Amino acid sequence: MFGTHCWLTQSSTQGPIALSSGEAEHYGTVKTACRLLGSGQLMLDFGLQRYGTWELVLQSDSSAAIGIAVRRGTGRIRHMETGGLWLQKAIGDKRLRIEKILGKINPADLMTKSVDRATLERLVDIVVLRFELDRTKLIPNLKSK
Protein backbone atom coordinates (compact mmCIF):
# COMPACT_ATOMS: atom_id res chain seq x y z
CA MET A 1 0.00 0.00 0.00
CA PHE A 2 1.10 3.56 -0.68
CA GLY A 3 -1.16 5.59 1.59
CA THR A 4 -4.60 4.17 0.81
CA HIS A 5 -3.59 3.01 -2.66
CA CYS A 6 -3.01 -0.66 -3.35
CA TRP A 7 0.37 -0.74 -5.07
CA LEU A 8 0.89 -4.47 -5.54
CA THR A 9 -0.80 -7.75 -4.73
CA GLN A 10 0.88 -11.03 -5.43
CA SER A 11 1.03 -14.59 -4.23
CA SER A 12 3.67 -17.24 -4.75
CA THR A 13 4.87 -20.53 -3.42
CA GLN A 14 7.69 -20.90 -0.93
CA GLY A 15 11.05 -21.98 -2.33
CA PRO A 16 13.16 -23.10 0.64
CA ILE A 17 12.02 -26.04 2.73
CA ALA A 18 11.41 -24.94 6.30
CA LEU A 19 11.64 -27.19 9.34
CA SER A 20 9.49 -24.95 11.56
CA SER A 21 6.59 -22.57 11.10
CA GLY A 22 8.71 -19.64 12.34
CA GLU A 23 11.37 -20.42 9.76
CA ALA A 24 8.69 -20.67 7.05
CA GLU A 25 7.28 -17.29 8.07
CA HIS A 26 10.81 -15.85 7.98
CA TYR A 27 11.30 -17.02 4.38
CA GLY A 28 8.02 -15.37 3.42
CA THR A 29 9.08 -12.18 5.18
CA VAL A 30 12.42 -12.16 3.32
CA LYS A 31 10.64 -12.59 -0.03
CA THR A 32 8.21 -9.79 0.83
CA ALA A 33 11.07 -7.52 1.94
CA CYS A 34 12.74 -8.03 -1.46
CA ARG A 35 9.56 -6.90 -3.19
CA LEU A 36 9.09 -4.03 -0.76
CA LEU A 37 12.59 -2.68 -1.30
CA GLY A 38 12.15 -3.05 -5.08
CA SER A 39 8.84 -1.17 -4.94
CA GLY A 40 10.46 1.53 -2.82
CA GLN A 41 13.18 1.99 -5.41
CA LEU A 42 10.56 2.10 -8.16
CA MET A 43 8.70 4.83 -6.27
CA LEU A 44 11.95 6.83 -6.07
CA ASP A 45 12.47 6.28 -9.80
CA PHE A 46 8.97 7.67 -10.40
CA GLY A 47 9.86 10.74 -8.34
CA LEU A 48 7.44 10.07 -5.52
CA GLN A 49 9.88 11.37 -2.88
CA ARG A 50 8.63 14.86 -3.73
CA TYR A 51 5.36 14.04 -1.94
CA GLY A 52 7.01 14.17 1.46
CA THR A 53 8.88 11.73 3.62
CA TRP A 54 7.79 8.12 3.74
CA GLU A 55 9.27 4.89 4.95
CA LEU A 56 9.05 1.27 3.93
CA VAL A 57 7.14 -0.73 6.53
CA LEU A 58 6.87 -4.51 6.33
CA GLN A 59 3.94 -5.81 8.37
CA SER A 60 3.73 -9.37 9.62
CA ASP A 61 1.32 -11.24 11.85
CA SER A 62 4.10 -13.69 12.76
CA SER A 63 5.90 -12.91 16.02
CA ALA A 64 8.50 -15.56 15.14
CA ALA A 65 9.32 -13.95 11.78
CA ILE A 66 9.58 -10.52 13.41
CA GLY A 67 11.83 -11.95 16.13
CA ILE A 68 14.17 -13.48 13.54
CA ALA A 69 14.22 -10.28 11.49
CA VAL A 70 15.14 -7.89 14.32
CA ARG A 71 17.96 -9.90 15.90
CA ARG A 72 21.44 -10.65 14.55
CA GLY A 73 22.29 -14.17 13.46
CA THR A 74 20.23 -17.35 13.54
CA GLY A 75 19.70 -17.54 17.30
CA ARG A 76 18.33 -20.96 18.26
CA ILE A 77 17.16 -21.85 14.74
CA ARG A 78 19.32 -24.72 13.59
CA HIS A 79 18.68 -25.21 9.88
CA MET A 80 17.88 -21.78 8.47
CA GLU A 81 19.32 -20.77 5.10
CA THR A 82 21.77 -17.95 5.74
CA GLY A 83 20.90 -16.18 2.47
CA GLY A 84 17.92 -14.59 4.20
CA LEU A 85 19.92 -12.99 6.99
CA TRP A 86 20.49 -9.83 4.89
CA LEU A 87 17.05 -8.74 6.11
CA GLN A 88 18.43 -8.32 9.64
CA LYS A 89 21.06 -5.90 8.32
CA ALA A 90 18.52 -4.01 6.19
CA ILE A 91 16.33 -3.47 9.26
CA GLY A 92 19.35 -2.52 11.37
CA ASP A 93 20.41 -0.02 8.68
CA LYS A 94 16.84 1.39 8.69
CA ARG A 95 16.28 0.68 4.99
CA LEU A 96 12.88 -0.66 6.10
CA ARG A 97 10.98 -1.23 9.31
CA ILE A 98 9.09 -4.33 10.41
CA GLU A 99 6.03 -4.21 12.63
CA LYS A 100 3.33 -6.48 13.99
CA ILE A 101 -0.10 -6.48 12.37
CA LEU A 102 -3.04 -8.22 14.01
CA GLY A 103 -4.29 -11.23 12.12
CA LYS A 104 -7.87 -9.94 11.98
CA ILE A 105 -6.85 -6.78 10.09
CA ASN A 106 -4.11 -8.33 7.95
CA PRO A 107 -5.03 -7.78 4.28
CA ALA A 108 -2.76 -10.69 3.32
CA ASP A 109 -5.43 -13.00 4.74
CA LEU A 110 -7.74 -11.88 1.95
CA MET A 111 -6.28 -14.39 -0.50
CA THR A 112 -4.33 -16.75 1.73
CA LYS A 113 -6.91 -18.01 4.21
CA SER A 114 -10.49 -19.12 4.18
CA VAL A 115 -12.41 -16.36 5.95
CA ASP A 116 -16.06 -15.69 6.75
CA ARG A 117 -18.04 -13.07 4.81
CA ALA A 118 -17.71 -10.34 7.46
CA THR A 119 -13.91 -10.74 7.53
CA LEU A 120 -13.80 -10.83 3.73
CA GLU A 121 -15.75 -7.57 3.48
CA ARG A 122 -13.57 -5.91 6.15
CA LEU A 123 -10.34 -6.93 4.39
CA VAL A 124 -11.64 -5.87 0.98
CA ASP A 125 -12.44 -2.48 2.47
CA ILE A 126 -8.92 -2.18 3.93
CA VAL A 127 -7.31 -2.57 0.49
CA VAL A 128 -9.97 -0.29 -1.03
CA LEU A 129 -11.48 -2.86 -3.36
CA ARG A 130 -15.12 -3.28 -4.16
CA PHE A 131 -17.45 -6.04 -5.32
CA GLU A 132 -19.18 -5.63 -8.69
CA LEU A 133 -22.15 -7.73 -9.71
CA ASP A 134 -21.83 -7.17 -13.45
CA ARG A 135 -18.97 -7.11 -15.91
CA THR A 136 -17.39 -3.74 -16.43
CA LYS A 137 -18.29 -1.92 -19.63
CA LEU A 138 -14.59 -1.75 -20.51
CA ILE A 139 -14.32 -5.53 -21.03
CA PRO A 140 -15.29 -6.53 -24.56
CA ASN A 141 -18.18 -8.91 -25.02
CA LEU A 142 -16.69 -12.26 -26.09
CA LYS A 143 -19.95 -14.03 -26.90
CA SER A 144 -19.63 -16.20 -29.98
CA LYS A 145 -21.88 -15.44 -32.95
C-alpha atoms as a PDB file:
ATOM      1  CA  MET A   1       0.000   0.000   0.000  1.00  0.00           C
ATOM      2  CA  PHE A   2       1.096   3.564  -0.675  1.00  0.00           C
ATOM      3  CA  GLY A   3      -1.160   5.586   1.593  1.00  0.00           C
ATOM      4  CA  THR A   4      -4.596   4.174   0.812  1.00  0.00           C
ATOM      5  CA  HIS A   5      -3.586   3.007  -2.664  1.00  0.00           C
ATOM      6  CA  CYS A   6      -3.011  -0.661  -3.347  1.00  0.00           C
ATOM      7  CA  TRP A   7       0.372  -0.737  -5.072  1.00  0.00           C
ATOM      8  CA  LEU A   8       0.887  -4.473  -5.538  1.00  0.00           C
ATOM      9  CA  THR A   9      -0.797  -7.750  -4.728  1.00  0.00           C
ATOM     10  CA  GLN A  10       0.883 -11.027  -5.426  1.00  0.00           C
ATOM     11  CA  SER A  11       1.032 -14.586  -4.230  1.00  0.00           C
ATOM     12  CA  SER A  12       3.670 -17.240  -4.748  1.00  0.00           C
ATOM     13  CA  THR A  13       4.872 -20.530  -3.417  1.00  0.00           C
ATOM     14  CA  GLN A  14       7.694 -20.900  -0.933  1.00  0.00           C
ATOM     15  CA  GLY A  15      11.052 -21.981  -2.331  1.00  0.00           C
ATOM     16  CA  PRO A  16      13.165 -23.103   0.641  1.00  0.00           C
ATOM     17  CA  ILE A  17      12.018 -26.043   2.725  1.00  0.00           C
ATOM     18  CA  ALA A  18      11.412 -24.944   6.302  1.00  0.00           C
ATOM     19  CA  LEU A  19      11.636 -27.185   9.336  1.00  0.00           C
ATOM     20  CA  SER A  20       9.493 -24.951  11.561  1.00  0.00           C
ATOM     21  CA  SER A  21       6.590 -22.573  11.103  1.00  0.00           C
ATOM     22  CA  GLY A  22       8.708 -19.640  12.340  1.00  0.00           C
ATOM     23  CA  GLU A  23      11.365 -20.418   9.759  1.00  0.00           C
ATOM     24  CA  ALA A  24       8.689 -20.672   7.046  1.00  0.00           C
ATOM     25  CA  GLU A  25       7.277 -17.291   8.073  1.00  0.00           C
ATOM     26  CA  HIS A  26      10.807 -15.847   7.978  1.00  0.00           C
ATOM     27  CA  TYR A  27      11.297 -17.020   4.378  1.00  0.00           C
ATOM     28  CA  GLY A  28       8.015 -15.370   3.422  1.00  0.00           C
ATOM     29  CA  THR A  29       9.085 -12.183   5.181  1.00  0.00           C
ATOM     30  CA  VAL A  30      12.422 -12.163   3.317  1.00  0.00           C
ATOM     31  CA  LYS A  31      10.640 -12.594  -0.028  1.00  0.00           C
ATOM     32  CA  THR A  32       8.214  -9.792   0.832  1.00  0.00           C
ATOM     33  CA  ALA A  33      11.074  -7.522   1.941  1.00  0.00           C
ATOM     34  CA  CYS A  34      12.735  -8.033  -1.460  1.00  0.00           C
ATOM     35  CA  ARG A  35       9.564  -6.899  -3.193  1.00  0.00           C
ATOM     36  CA  LEU A  36       9.086  -4.026  -0.761  1.00  0.00           C
ATOM     37  CA  LEU A  37      12.594  -2.678  -1.305  1.00  0.00           C
ATOM     38  CA  GLY A  38      12.152  -3.045  -5.077  1.00  0.00           C
ATOM     39  CA  SER A  39       8.837  -1.170  -4.935  1.00  0.00           C
ATOM     40  CA  GLY A  40      10.464   1.533  -2.817  1.00  0.00           C
ATOM     41  CA  GLN A  41      13.176   1.986  -5.410  1.00  0.00           C
ATOM     42  CA  LEU A  42      10.555   2.096  -8.160  1.00  0.00           C
ATOM     43  CA  MET A  43       8.697   4.831  -6.272  1.00  0.00           C
ATOM     44  CA  LEU A  44      11.948   6.834  -6.068  1.00  0.00           C
ATOM     45  CA  ASP A  45      12.475   6.282  -9.796  1.00  0.00           C
ATOM     46  CA  PHE A  46       8.968   7.665 -10.405  1.00  0.00           C
ATOM     47  CA  GLY A  47       9.864  10.737  -8.343  1.00  0.00           C
ATOM     48  CA  LEU A  48       7.442  10.074  -5.515  1.00  0.00           C
ATOM     49  CA  GLN A  49       9.882  11.370  -2.876  1.00  0.00           C
ATOM     50  CA  ARG A  50       8.631  14.864  -3.732  1.00  0.00           C
ATOM     51  CA  TYR A  51       5.362  14.040  -1.936  1.00  0.00           C
ATOM     52  CA  GLY A  52       7.015  14.173   1.461  1.00  0.00           C
ATOM     53  CA  THR A  53       8.881  11.726   3.616  1.00  0.00           C
ATOM     54  CA  TRP A  54       7.785   8.121   3.736  1.00  0.00           C
ATOM     55  CA  GLU A  55       9.273   4.895   4.948  1.00  0.00           C
ATOM     56  CA  LEU A  56       9.052   1.273   3.929  1.00  0.00           C
ATOM     57  CA  VAL A  57       7.135  -0.729   6.532  1.00  0.00           C
ATOM     58  CA  LEU A  58       6.869  -4.509   6.327  1.00  0.00           C
ATOM     59  CA  GLN A  59       3.937  -5.806   8.365  1.00  0.00           C
ATOM     60  CA  SER A  60       3.733  -9.374   9.616  1.00  0.00           C
ATOM     61  CA  ASP A  61       1.318 -11.240  11.853  1.00  0.00           C
ATOM     62  CA  SER A  62       4.101 -13.686  12.759  1.00  0.00           C
ATOM     63  CA  SER A  63       5.899 -12.915  16.017  1.00  0.00           C
ATOM     64  CA  ALA A  64       8.502 -15.561  15.144  1.00  0.00           C
ATOM     65  CA  ALA A  65       9.325 -13.946  11.784  1.00  0.00           C
ATOM     66  CA  ILE A  66       9.580 -10.516  13.411  1.00  0.00           C
ATOM     67  CA  GLY A  67      11.828 -11.945  16.132  1.00  0.00           C
ATOM     68  CA  ILE A  68      14.169 -13.478  13.541  1.00  0.00           C
ATOM     69  CA  ALA A  69      14.217 -10.278  11.486  1.00  0.00           C
ATOM     70  CA  VAL A  70      15.141  -7.893  14.316  1.00  0.00           C
ATOM     71  CA  ARG A  71      17.960  -9.901  15.898  1.00  0.00           C
ATOM     72  CA  ARG A  72      21.440 -10.647  14.548  1.00  0.00           C
ATOM     73  CA  GLY A  73      22.288 -14.172  13.459  1.00  0.00           C
ATOM     74  CA  THR A  74      20.228 -17.345  13.542  1.00  0.00           C
ATOM     75  CA  GLY A  75      19.702 -17.537  17.301  1.00  0.00           C
ATOM     76  CA  ARG A  76      18.329 -20.962  18.259  1.00  0.00           C
ATOM     77  CA  ILE A  77      17.156 -21.848  14.742  1.00  0.00           C
ATOM     78  CA  ARG A  78      19.321 -24.719  13.595  1.00  0.00           C
ATOM     79  CA  HIS A  79      18.679 -25.211   9.882  1.00  0.00           C
ATOM     80  CA  MET A  80      17.883 -21.780   8.473  1.00  0.00           C
ATOM     81  CA  GLU A  81      19.316 -20.768   5.101  1.00  0.00           C
ATOM     82  CA  THR A  82      21.768 -17.954   5.742  1.00  0.00           C
ATOM     83  CA  GLY A  83      20.898 -16.181   2.468  1.00  0.00           C
ATOM     84  CA  GLY A  84      17.923 -14.592   4.200  1.00  0.00           C
ATOM     85  CA  LEU A  85      19.916 -12.987   6.991  1.00  0.00           C
ATOM     86  CA  TRP A  86      20.490  -9.834   4.892  1.00  0.00           C
ATOM     87  CA  LEU A  87      17.048  -8.743   6.111  1.00  0.00           C
ATOM     88  CA  GLN A  88      18.433  -8.324   9.644  1.00  0.00           C
ATOM     89  CA  LYS A  89      21.058  -5.899   8.322  1.00  0.00           C
ATOM     90  CA  ALA A  90      18.519  -4.006   6.186  1.00  0.00           C
ATOM     91  CA  ILE A  91      16.327  -3.473   9.258  1.00  0.00           C
ATOM     92  CA  GLY A  92      19.353  -2.522  11.369  1.00  0.00           C
ATOM     93  CA  ASP A  93      20.411  -0.015   8.684  1.00  0.00           C
ATOM     94  CA  LYS A  94      16.841   1.385   8.695  1.00  0.00           C
ATOM     95  CA  ARG A  95      16.276   0.680   4.991  1.00  0.00           C
ATOM     96  CA  LEU A  96      12.880  -0.657   6.099  1.00  0.00           C
ATOM     97  CA  ARG A  97      10.977  -1.231   9.312  1.00  0.00           C
ATOM     98  CA  ILE A  98       9.091  -4.333  10.413  1.00  0.00           C
ATOM     99  CA  GLU A  99       6.026  -4.208  12.629  1.00  0.00           C
ATOM    100  CA  LYS A 100       3.333  -6.483  13.991  1.00  0.00           C
ATOM    101  CA  ILE A 101      -0.102  -6.477  12.374  1.00  0.00           C
ATOM    102  CA  LEU A 102      -3.035  -8.220  14.014  1.00  0.00           C
ATOM    103  CA  GLY A 103      -4.295 -11.235  12.116  1.00  0.00           C
ATOM    104  CA  LYS A 104      -7.865  -9.944  11.977  1.00  0.00           C
ATOM    105  CA  ILE A 105      -6.850  -6.783  10.093  1.00  0.00           C
ATOM    106  CA  ASN A 106      -4.107  -8.328   7.950  1.00  0.00           C
ATOM    107  CA  PRO A 107      -5.032  -7.780   4.281  1.00  0.00           C
ATOM    108  CA  ALA A 108      -2.757 -10.688   3.316  1.00  0.00           C
ATOM    109  CA  ASP A 109      -5.427 -13.003   4.737  1.00  0.00           C
ATOM    110  CA  LEU A 110      -7.740 -11.880   1.946  1.00  0.00           C
ATOM    111  CA  MET A 111      -6.284 -14.389  -0.500  1.00  0.00           C
ATOM    112  CA  THR A 112      -4.332 -16.752   1.725  1.00  0.00           C
ATOM    113  CA  LYS A 113      -6.913 -18.015   4.209  1.00  0.00           C
ATOM    114  CA  SER A 114     -10.488 -19.115   4.179  1.00  0.00           C
ATOM    115  CA  VAL A 115     -12.413 -16.363   5.949  1.00  0.00           C
ATOM    116  CA  ASP A 116     -16.058 -15.688   6.752  1.00  0.00           C
ATOM    117  CA  ARG A 117     -18.044 -13.068   4.812  1.00  0.00           C
ATOM    118  CA  ALA A 118     -17.707 -10.336   7.459  1.00  0.00           C
ATOM    119  CA  THR A 119     -13.909 -10.737   7.528  1.00  0.00           C
ATOM    120  CA  LEU A 120     -13.797 -10.831   3.727  1.00  0.00           C
ATOM    121  CA  GLU A 121     -15.747  -7.567   3.484  1.00  0.00           C
ATOM    122  CA  ARG A 122     -13.568  -5.915   6.148  1.00  0.00           C
ATOM    123  CA  LEU A 123     -10.338  -6.932   4.393  1.00  0.00           C
ATOM    124  CA  VAL A 124     -11.637  -5.873   0.976  1.00  0.00           C
ATOM    125  CA  ASP A 125     -12.437  -2.484   2.473  1.00  0.00           C
ATOM    126  CA  ILE A 126      -8.915  -2.182   3.927  1.00  0.00           C
ATOM    127  CA  VAL A 127      -7.313  -2.572   0.487  1.00  0.00           C
ATOM    128  CA  VAL A 128      -9.965  -0.293  -1.034  1.00  0.00           C
ATOM    129  CA  LEU A 129     -11.477  -2.861  -3.359  1.00  0.00           C
ATOM    130  CA  ARG A 130     -15.120  -3.284  -4.156  1.00  0.00           C
ATOM    131  CA  PHE A 131     -17.446  -6.039  -5.324  1.00  0.00           C
ATOM    132  CA  GLU A 132     -19.175  -5.634  -8.688  1.00  0.00           C
ATOM    133  CA  LEU A 133     -22.146  -7.732  -9.707  1.00  0.00           C
ATOM    134  CA  ASP A 134     -21.825  -7.169 -13.452  1.00  0.00           C
ATOM    135  CA  ARG A 135     -18.973  -7.112 -15.909  1.00  0.00           C
ATOM    136  CA  THR A 136     -17.392  -3.739 -16.426  1.00  0.00           C
ATOM    137  CA  LYS A 137     -18.288  -1.922 -19.633  1.00  0.00           C
ATOM    138  CA  LEU A 138     -14.586  -1.755 -20.509  1.00  0.00           C
ATOM    139  CA  ILE A 139     -14.323  -5.525 -21.031  1.00  0.00           C
ATOM    140  CA  PRO A 140     -15.287  -6.534 -24.560  1.00  0.00           C
ATOM    141  CA  ASN A 141     -18.183  -8.915 -25.022  1.00  0.00           C
ATOM    142  CA  LEU A 142     -16.691 -12.257 -26.088  1.00  0.00           C
ATOM    143  CA  LYS A 143     -19.954 -14.034 -26.902  1.00  0.00           C
ATOM    144  CA  SER A 144     -19.634 -16.198 -29.985  1.00  0.00           C
ATOM    145  CA  LYS A 145     -21.884 -15.439 -32.946  1.00  0.00           C
END
